[in-house]
Structure formats: C-alpha cells, structure tokens
N, C-alpha and C. Protein backbone atom coordinates (compact mmCIF):
# COMPACT_ATOMS: atom_id res chain seq x y z
N MET A 1 24.48 -30.86 -21.24
CA MET A 1 25.60 -30.39 -20.44
C MET A 1 25.87 -31.42 -19.36
N HIS A 2 27.12 -31.77 -19.20
CA HIS A 2 27.51 -32.80 -18.25
C HIS A 2 27.87 -32.15 -16.91
N ALA A 3 27.22 -32.61 -15.86
CA ALA A 3 27.48 -32.04 -14.53
C ALA A 3 28.65 -32.78 -13.89
N HIS A 4 29.65 -32.02 -13.52
CA HIS A 4 30.80 -32.60 -12.85
C HIS A 4 30.71 -32.31 -11.36
N ALA A 5 30.97 -33.34 -10.58
CA ALA A 5 31.01 -33.13 -9.13
C ALA A 5 32.35 -32.46 -8.81
N HIS A 6 32.29 -31.37 -8.09
CA HIS A 6 33.52 -30.67 -7.72
C HIS A 6 34.16 -31.39 -6.56
N HIS A 7 35.39 -31.76 -6.76
CA HIS A 7 36.14 -32.43 -5.70
C HIS A 7 36.94 -31.39 -4.94
N HIS A 8 36.59 -31.20 -3.69
CA HIS A 8 37.35 -30.26 -2.86
C HIS A 8 38.43 -31.05 -2.16
N PRO A 9 39.68 -30.62 -2.28
CA PRO A 9 40.75 -31.37 -1.63
C PRO A 9 40.61 -31.33 -0.11
N THR A 10 41.02 -32.41 0.51
CA THR A 10 41.00 -32.46 1.97
C THR A 10 42.10 -31.54 2.49
N PRO A 11 42.01 -31.13 3.76
CA PRO A 11 43.06 -30.25 4.29
C PRO A 11 44.48 -30.77 4.10
N PRO A 12 44.76 -32.08 4.33
CA PRO A 12 46.13 -32.53 4.08
C PRO A 12 46.53 -32.41 2.61
N GLN A 13 45.60 -32.70 1.69
CA GLN A 13 45.92 -32.56 0.27
C GLN A 13 46.20 -31.10 -0.08
N ARG A 14 45.41 -30.20 0.49
CA ARG A 14 45.59 -28.77 0.23
C ARG A 14 46.95 -28.31 0.76
N ARG A 15 47.28 -28.76 1.97
CA ARG A 15 48.58 -28.39 2.56
C ARG A 15 49.73 -28.92 1.73
N HIS A 16 49.62 -30.18 1.30
CA HIS A 16 50.69 -30.76 0.47
C HIS A 16 50.84 -29.99 -0.83
N ARG A 17 49.73 -29.66 -1.44
CA ARG A 17 49.77 -28.93 -2.71
C ARG A 17 50.42 -27.56 -2.52
N GLN A 18 50.02 -26.85 -1.45
CA GLN A 18 50.61 -25.54 -1.18
C GLN A 18 52.11 -25.65 -0.92
N TYR A 19 52.51 -26.67 -0.16
CA TYR A 19 53.92 -26.87 0.14
C TYR A 19 54.71 -27.11 -1.15
N PHE A 20 54.23 -28.02 -2.00
CA PHE A 20 54.97 -28.33 -3.22
C PHE A 20 54.98 -27.17 -4.20
N VAL A 21 53.92 -26.38 -4.24
CA VAL A 21 53.93 -25.19 -5.11
C VAL A 21 54.98 -24.20 -4.62
N LEU A 22 55.01 -23.96 -3.31
CA LEU A 22 56.01 -23.02 -2.77
C LEU A 22 57.43 -23.52 -3.02
N MET A 23 57.68 -24.81 -2.81
CA MET A 23 59.02 -25.34 -3.04
C MET A 23 59.36 -25.33 -4.53
N GLY A 24 58.36 -25.53 -5.38
CA GLY A 24 58.60 -25.44 -6.83
C GLY A 24 58.98 -24.03 -7.23
N VAL A 25 58.29 -23.04 -6.66
CA VAL A 25 58.63 -21.63 -6.94
C VAL A 25 60.05 -21.35 -6.47
N CYS A 26 60.42 -21.89 -5.33
CA CYS A 26 61.78 -21.70 -4.81
C CYS A 26 62.82 -22.24 -5.80
N LEU A 27 62.60 -23.46 -6.26
CA LEU A 27 63.55 -24.04 -7.21
C LEU A 27 63.61 -23.26 -8.52
N VAL A 28 62.45 -22.86 -9.02
CA VAL A 28 62.42 -22.09 -10.27
C VAL A 28 63.19 -20.77 -10.11
N LEU A 29 63.00 -20.10 -8.96
CA LEU A 29 63.73 -18.85 -8.72
C LEU A 29 65.24 -19.07 -8.74
N PHE A 30 65.72 -20.12 -8.05
CA PHE A 30 67.16 -20.40 -8.04
C PHE A 30 67.68 -20.71 -9.44
N VAL A 31 66.98 -21.59 -10.13
CA VAL A 31 67.45 -21.99 -11.47
C VAL A 31 67.44 -20.81 -12.43
N LEU A 32 66.35 -20.04 -12.45
CA LEU A 32 66.30 -18.88 -13.34
C LEU A 32 67.33 -17.83 -12.96
N ALA A 33 67.53 -17.63 -11.66
CA ALA A 33 68.47 -16.60 -11.21
C ALA A 33 69.87 -16.86 -11.76
N TRP A 34 70.34 -18.11 -11.64
CA TRP A 34 71.74 -18.37 -12.01
C TRP A 34 71.91 -18.90 -13.42
N SER A 35 70.84 -19.26 -14.11
CA SER A 35 71.01 -19.71 -15.49
C SER A 35 70.64 -18.63 -16.50
N VAL A 36 69.73 -17.72 -16.14
CA VAL A 36 69.27 -16.73 -17.11
C VAL A 36 69.49 -15.30 -16.61
N VAL A 37 68.96 -14.99 -15.46
CA VAL A 37 68.93 -13.60 -14.99
C VAL A 37 70.34 -13.05 -14.75
N ARG A 38 71.27 -13.90 -14.30
CA ARG A 38 72.63 -13.40 -14.01
C ARG A 38 73.33 -12.88 -15.25
N LEU A 39 72.89 -13.33 -16.43
CA LEU A 39 73.51 -12.84 -17.67
C LEU A 39 73.22 -11.36 -17.89
N TRP A 40 72.09 -10.88 -17.38
CA TRP A 40 71.73 -9.47 -17.52
C TRP A 40 72.02 -8.66 -16.25
N SER A 41 71.75 -9.29 -15.08
CA SER A 41 71.92 -8.54 -13.84
C SER A 41 72.21 -9.48 -12.68
N VAL A 42 73.47 -9.41 -12.21
CA VAL A 42 73.85 -10.23 -11.05
C VAL A 42 73.09 -9.76 -9.80
N PRO A 43 72.94 -8.44 -9.55
CA PRO A 43 72.16 -8.05 -8.37
C PRO A 43 70.72 -8.58 -8.39
N ALA A 44 70.11 -8.61 -9.57
CA ALA A 44 68.75 -9.15 -9.67
C ALA A 44 68.76 -10.65 -9.36
N ALA A 45 69.78 -11.36 -9.81
CA ALA A 45 69.89 -12.80 -9.54
C ALA A 45 70.07 -13.04 -8.04
N VAL A 46 70.88 -12.19 -7.40
CA VAL A 46 71.08 -12.32 -5.95
C VAL A 46 69.76 -12.03 -5.22
N ALA A 47 69.03 -11.01 -5.66
CA ALA A 47 67.75 -10.69 -5.04
C ALA A 47 66.77 -11.86 -5.19
N MET A 48 66.77 -12.50 -6.36
CA MET A 48 65.89 -13.65 -6.56
C MET A 48 66.27 -14.79 -5.61
N CYS A 49 67.57 -14.97 -5.38
CA CYS A 49 68.01 -16.02 -4.46
C CYS A 49 67.65 -15.70 -3.02
N VAL A 50 67.68 -14.42 -2.66
CA VAL A 50 67.28 -14.03 -1.30
C VAL A 50 65.79 -14.35 -1.10
N VAL A 51 64.98 -14.04 -2.11
CA VAL A 51 63.55 -14.36 -2.02
C VAL A 51 63.38 -15.88 -1.93
N ALA A 52 64.12 -16.61 -2.76
CA ALA A 52 64.02 -18.07 -2.76
C ALA A 52 64.47 -18.65 -1.41
N MET A 53 65.41 -18.00 -0.75
CA MET A 53 65.92 -18.48 0.52
C MET A 53 64.85 -18.40 1.62
N VAL A 54 63.94 -17.46 1.51
CA VAL A 54 62.90 -17.28 2.52
C VAL A 54 61.75 -18.28 2.34
N ILE A 55 61.60 -18.82 1.16
CA ILE A 55 60.44 -19.66 0.85
C ILE A 55 60.43 -20.99 1.63
N PRO A 56 61.53 -21.75 1.78
CA PRO A 56 61.42 -23.04 2.47
C PRO A 56 60.89 -22.98 3.89
N PRO A 57 61.32 -22.03 4.74
CA PRO A 57 60.70 -21.99 6.06
C PRO A 57 59.21 -21.66 6.00
N VAL A 58 58.82 -20.79 5.09
CA VAL A 58 57.40 -20.45 4.93
C VAL A 58 56.64 -21.69 4.46
N ALA A 59 57.22 -22.44 3.54
CA ALA A 59 56.58 -23.66 3.05
C ALA A 59 56.42 -24.69 4.17
N ALA A 60 57.41 -24.78 5.05
CA ALA A 60 57.32 -25.72 6.18
C ALA A 60 56.18 -25.33 7.11
N VAL A 61 56.03 -24.04 7.37
CA VAL A 61 54.94 -23.58 8.23
C VAL A 61 53.59 -23.86 7.57
N VAL A 62 53.48 -23.56 6.28
CA VAL A 62 52.23 -23.80 5.55
C VAL A 62 51.92 -25.29 5.53
N GLY A 63 52.94 -26.12 5.28
CA GLY A 63 52.73 -27.56 5.19
C GLY A 63 52.34 -28.21 6.51
N ASN A 64 52.68 -27.59 7.62
CA ASN A 64 52.39 -28.16 8.93
C ASN A 64 51.29 -27.43 9.68
N ARG A 65 50.67 -26.47 9.02
CA ARG A 65 49.61 -25.69 9.68
C ARG A 65 48.39 -26.58 9.94
N ARG A 66 47.83 -26.40 11.10
CA ARG A 66 46.63 -27.15 11.48
C ARG A 66 45.41 -26.30 11.16
N GLU A 67 44.47 -26.88 10.43
CA GLU A 67 43.26 -26.15 10.08
C GLU A 67 42.18 -26.41 11.12
N PRO A 68 41.22 -25.50 11.27
CA PRO A 68 40.16 -25.68 12.27
C PRO A 68 39.45 -27.02 12.07
N GLY A 69 39.23 -27.71 13.17
CA GLY A 69 38.52 -28.97 13.11
C GLY A 69 39.39 -30.17 12.82
N GLU A 70 40.65 -29.98 12.52
CA GLU A 70 41.53 -31.11 12.24
C GLU A 70 42.02 -31.72 13.53
N ARG A 71 42.13 -33.05 13.54
CA ARG A 71 42.60 -33.73 14.74
C ARG A 71 43.83 -34.58 14.46
N TRP A 72 44.45 -34.45 13.30
CA TRP A 72 45.60 -35.29 12.97
C TRP A 72 46.73 -35.07 13.96
N TRP A 73 46.70 -33.95 14.58
CA TRP A 73 47.68 -33.53 15.55
C TRP A 73 47.47 -34.25 16.87
N ASP A 74 46.18 -34.47 17.22
CA ASP A 74 45.81 -34.97 18.53
C ASP A 74 45.81 -36.49 18.63
N GLU A 75 45.52 -37.16 17.54
CA GLU A 75 45.37 -38.61 17.57
C GLU A 75 46.32 -39.25 16.58
N SER A 76 47.01 -40.31 17.00
CA SER A 76 47.95 -40.99 16.12
C SER A 76 47.31 -42.15 15.39
N GLY A 77 46.17 -42.65 15.89
CA GLY A 77 45.55 -43.82 15.31
C GLY A 77 45.87 -45.08 16.11
N ASP A 78 46.88 -45.01 16.96
CA ASP A 78 47.25 -46.13 17.82
C ASP A 78 46.61 -45.90 19.18
N PRO A 79 45.59 -46.70 19.56
CA PRO A 79 44.86 -46.45 20.81
C PRO A 79 45.76 -46.42 22.04
N GLU A 80 46.75 -47.32 22.09
CA GLU A 80 47.62 -47.35 23.26
C GLU A 80 48.47 -46.09 23.35
N SER A 81 49.01 -45.67 22.21
CA SER A 81 49.81 -44.44 22.19
C SER A 81 48.97 -43.23 22.54
N ASP A 82 47.76 -43.16 21.98
CA ASP A 82 46.88 -42.01 22.26
C ASP A 82 46.53 -41.96 23.74
N ARG A 83 46.26 -43.14 24.35
CA ARG A 83 45.95 -43.18 25.78
C ARG A 83 47.14 -42.69 26.59
N TRP A 84 48.32 -43.15 26.20
CA TRP A 84 49.53 -42.74 26.93
C TRP A 84 49.74 -41.23 26.85
N TRP A 85 49.56 -40.66 25.65
CA TRP A 85 49.76 -39.21 25.50
C TRP A 85 48.70 -38.43 26.25
N ARG A 86 47.45 -38.94 26.25
CA ARG A 86 46.41 -38.24 27.03
C ARG A 86 46.78 -38.22 28.50
N GLU A 87 47.25 -39.38 29.00
CA GLU A 87 47.64 -39.42 30.41
C GLU A 87 48.85 -38.53 30.68
N ALA A 88 49.80 -38.53 29.78
CA ALA A 88 51.00 -37.72 29.95
C ALA A 88 50.68 -36.23 29.88
N GLY A 89 49.68 -35.88 29.09
CA GLY A 89 49.34 -34.47 28.92
C GLY A 89 48.38 -33.95 29.96
N ARG A 90 47.77 -34.87 30.74
CA ARG A 90 46.81 -34.45 31.75
C ARG A 90 47.54 -33.73 32.88
N PRO A 91 47.06 -32.57 33.24
CA PRO A 91 47.74 -31.87 34.35
C PRO A 91 47.61 -32.68 35.63
N ARG A 92 48.71 -32.81 36.32
CA ARG A 92 48.71 -33.55 37.57
C ARG A 92 48.18 -32.69 38.69
N ARG A 93 47.55 -33.36 39.65
CA ARG A 93 47.16 -32.65 40.85
C ARG A 93 48.42 -32.48 41.67
N ARG A 94 48.76 -31.28 41.92
CA ARG A 94 49.99 -31.02 42.66
C ARG A 94 49.70 -31.04 44.15
N ARG A 95 50.55 -31.74 44.84
CA ARG A 95 50.46 -31.72 46.30
C ARG A 95 51.14 -30.47 46.79
N PRO A 96 50.58 -29.84 47.81
CA PRO A 96 51.25 -28.66 48.34
C PRO A 96 52.61 -29.05 48.91
N SER A 97 53.53 -28.17 48.79
CA SER A 97 54.88 -28.40 49.31
C SER A 97 54.82 -28.57 50.82
N PRO A 98 55.59 -29.53 51.39
CA PRO A 98 55.57 -29.71 52.84
C PRO A 98 55.94 -28.43 53.58
N ALA A 99 56.78 -27.62 53.00
CA ALA A 99 57.17 -26.37 53.66
C ALA A 99 55.97 -25.44 53.80
N LEU A 100 55.03 -25.54 52.86
CA LEU A 100 53.86 -24.66 52.92
C LEU A 100 52.78 -25.20 53.84
N THR A 101 52.76 -26.52 54.06
CA THR A 101 51.70 -27.10 54.87
C THR A 101 52.15 -27.40 56.30
N ALA A 102 53.41 -27.23 56.59
CA ALA A 102 53.92 -27.52 57.94
C ALA A 102 53.29 -26.55 58.93
N ARG A 103 53.04 -27.08 60.12
CA ARG A 103 52.47 -26.22 61.16
C ARG A 103 53.52 -25.21 61.61
N PRO A 104 53.08 -24.02 61.91
CA PRO A 104 54.07 -23.05 62.39
C PRO A 104 54.61 -23.49 63.74
N ARG A 105 55.88 -23.34 63.90
CA ARG A 105 56.52 -23.73 65.16
C ARG A 105 56.33 -22.63 66.18
N ALA A 106 56.30 -23.06 67.41
CA ALA A 106 56.21 -22.08 68.50
C ALA A 106 57.53 -21.33 68.56
N PRO A 107 57.48 -20.04 68.89
CA PRO A 107 58.72 -19.29 68.93
C PRO A 107 59.64 -19.88 70.01
N ALA A 108 60.92 -19.81 69.73
CA ALA A 108 61.90 -20.33 70.68
C ALA A 108 61.83 -19.52 71.97
N ARG A 109 61.95 -20.23 73.10
CA ARG A 109 61.91 -19.54 74.40
C ARG A 109 63.24 -18.88 74.66
N THR A 110 63.13 -17.74 75.21
CA THR A 110 64.35 -17.01 75.57
C THR A 110 64.50 -17.06 77.10
N ALA A 111 65.68 -16.79 77.55
CA ALA A 111 65.92 -16.79 78.99
C ALA A 111 65.09 -15.68 79.62
N GLY A 112 64.45 -15.95 80.67
CA GLY A 112 63.62 -14.96 81.34
C GLY A 112 62.59 -15.65 82.18
N PRO A 113 61.67 -14.90 82.66
CA PRO A 113 60.66 -15.50 83.54
C PRO A 113 59.77 -16.44 82.76
N PRO A 114 59.33 -17.54 83.35
CA PRO A 114 58.45 -18.47 82.64
C PRO A 114 57.10 -17.83 82.34
N PRO A 115 56.46 -18.21 81.26
CA PRO A 115 55.17 -17.62 80.92
C PRO A 115 54.10 -18.00 81.96
N GLN A 116 53.19 -17.17 82.25
CA GLN A 116 52.16 -17.43 83.25
C GLN A 116 50.83 -17.62 82.64
C-alpha cells in the first residue's frame, strides 16, 4: 500500500478555492436558469437568478476573510511601508486642549467696596 502525504491547502488557497466554487455555482445557476429551467418555469428561473444574485457578495466576503493566525493583512512585505503603517496606526498621545488646561480666571470685579 502506497502512503500518500495529505496536502492541506494553505488558508489563501482554501479561500481562493471557496471563492471560485461559489462564483462557479453562481454562473451555473444563471446559465441553467435561462437556458433550461425557463422552458418549464419562468418563476423558477427567476428564483434561481435571485439566489445567484446573492452569491457574489458572499463570495467576496469568503474570499477576503482573515483566518486566525494569518498576518497577510498586517504586513505587506515591504519593510518601509510596514514601518510607515505601524507609525500611522499608532495612537497618538493627545495633548489636552488649551481650554481645558487654562488656569481659571479671577472673577471680574464689580463696582463696590474694595475687598479687604
């Protein structure tokens, strides 16, 4: 018996495969709806197209989903660009607004006897 090493697809390969399968199902639904199913039932063909219409946004979400432990999102591979984005994404230390740090002013003097 020949032992085969099981190749597990990497997350990007898995995402690409899922995306293309979903888009293939979408195309098959459209083609079957208007080339075959409409001959028997136009409402069924329309229903198939409505289902097919929902698939591309779902495929886009599936194709761009980030899996646990993946860093393709965080790092571009270009050290200068990655450094720039890290600096841009770092929360800045905010200085308090001058209006909040200004010393309270003494109340305006009114006409009357001088304070003692």
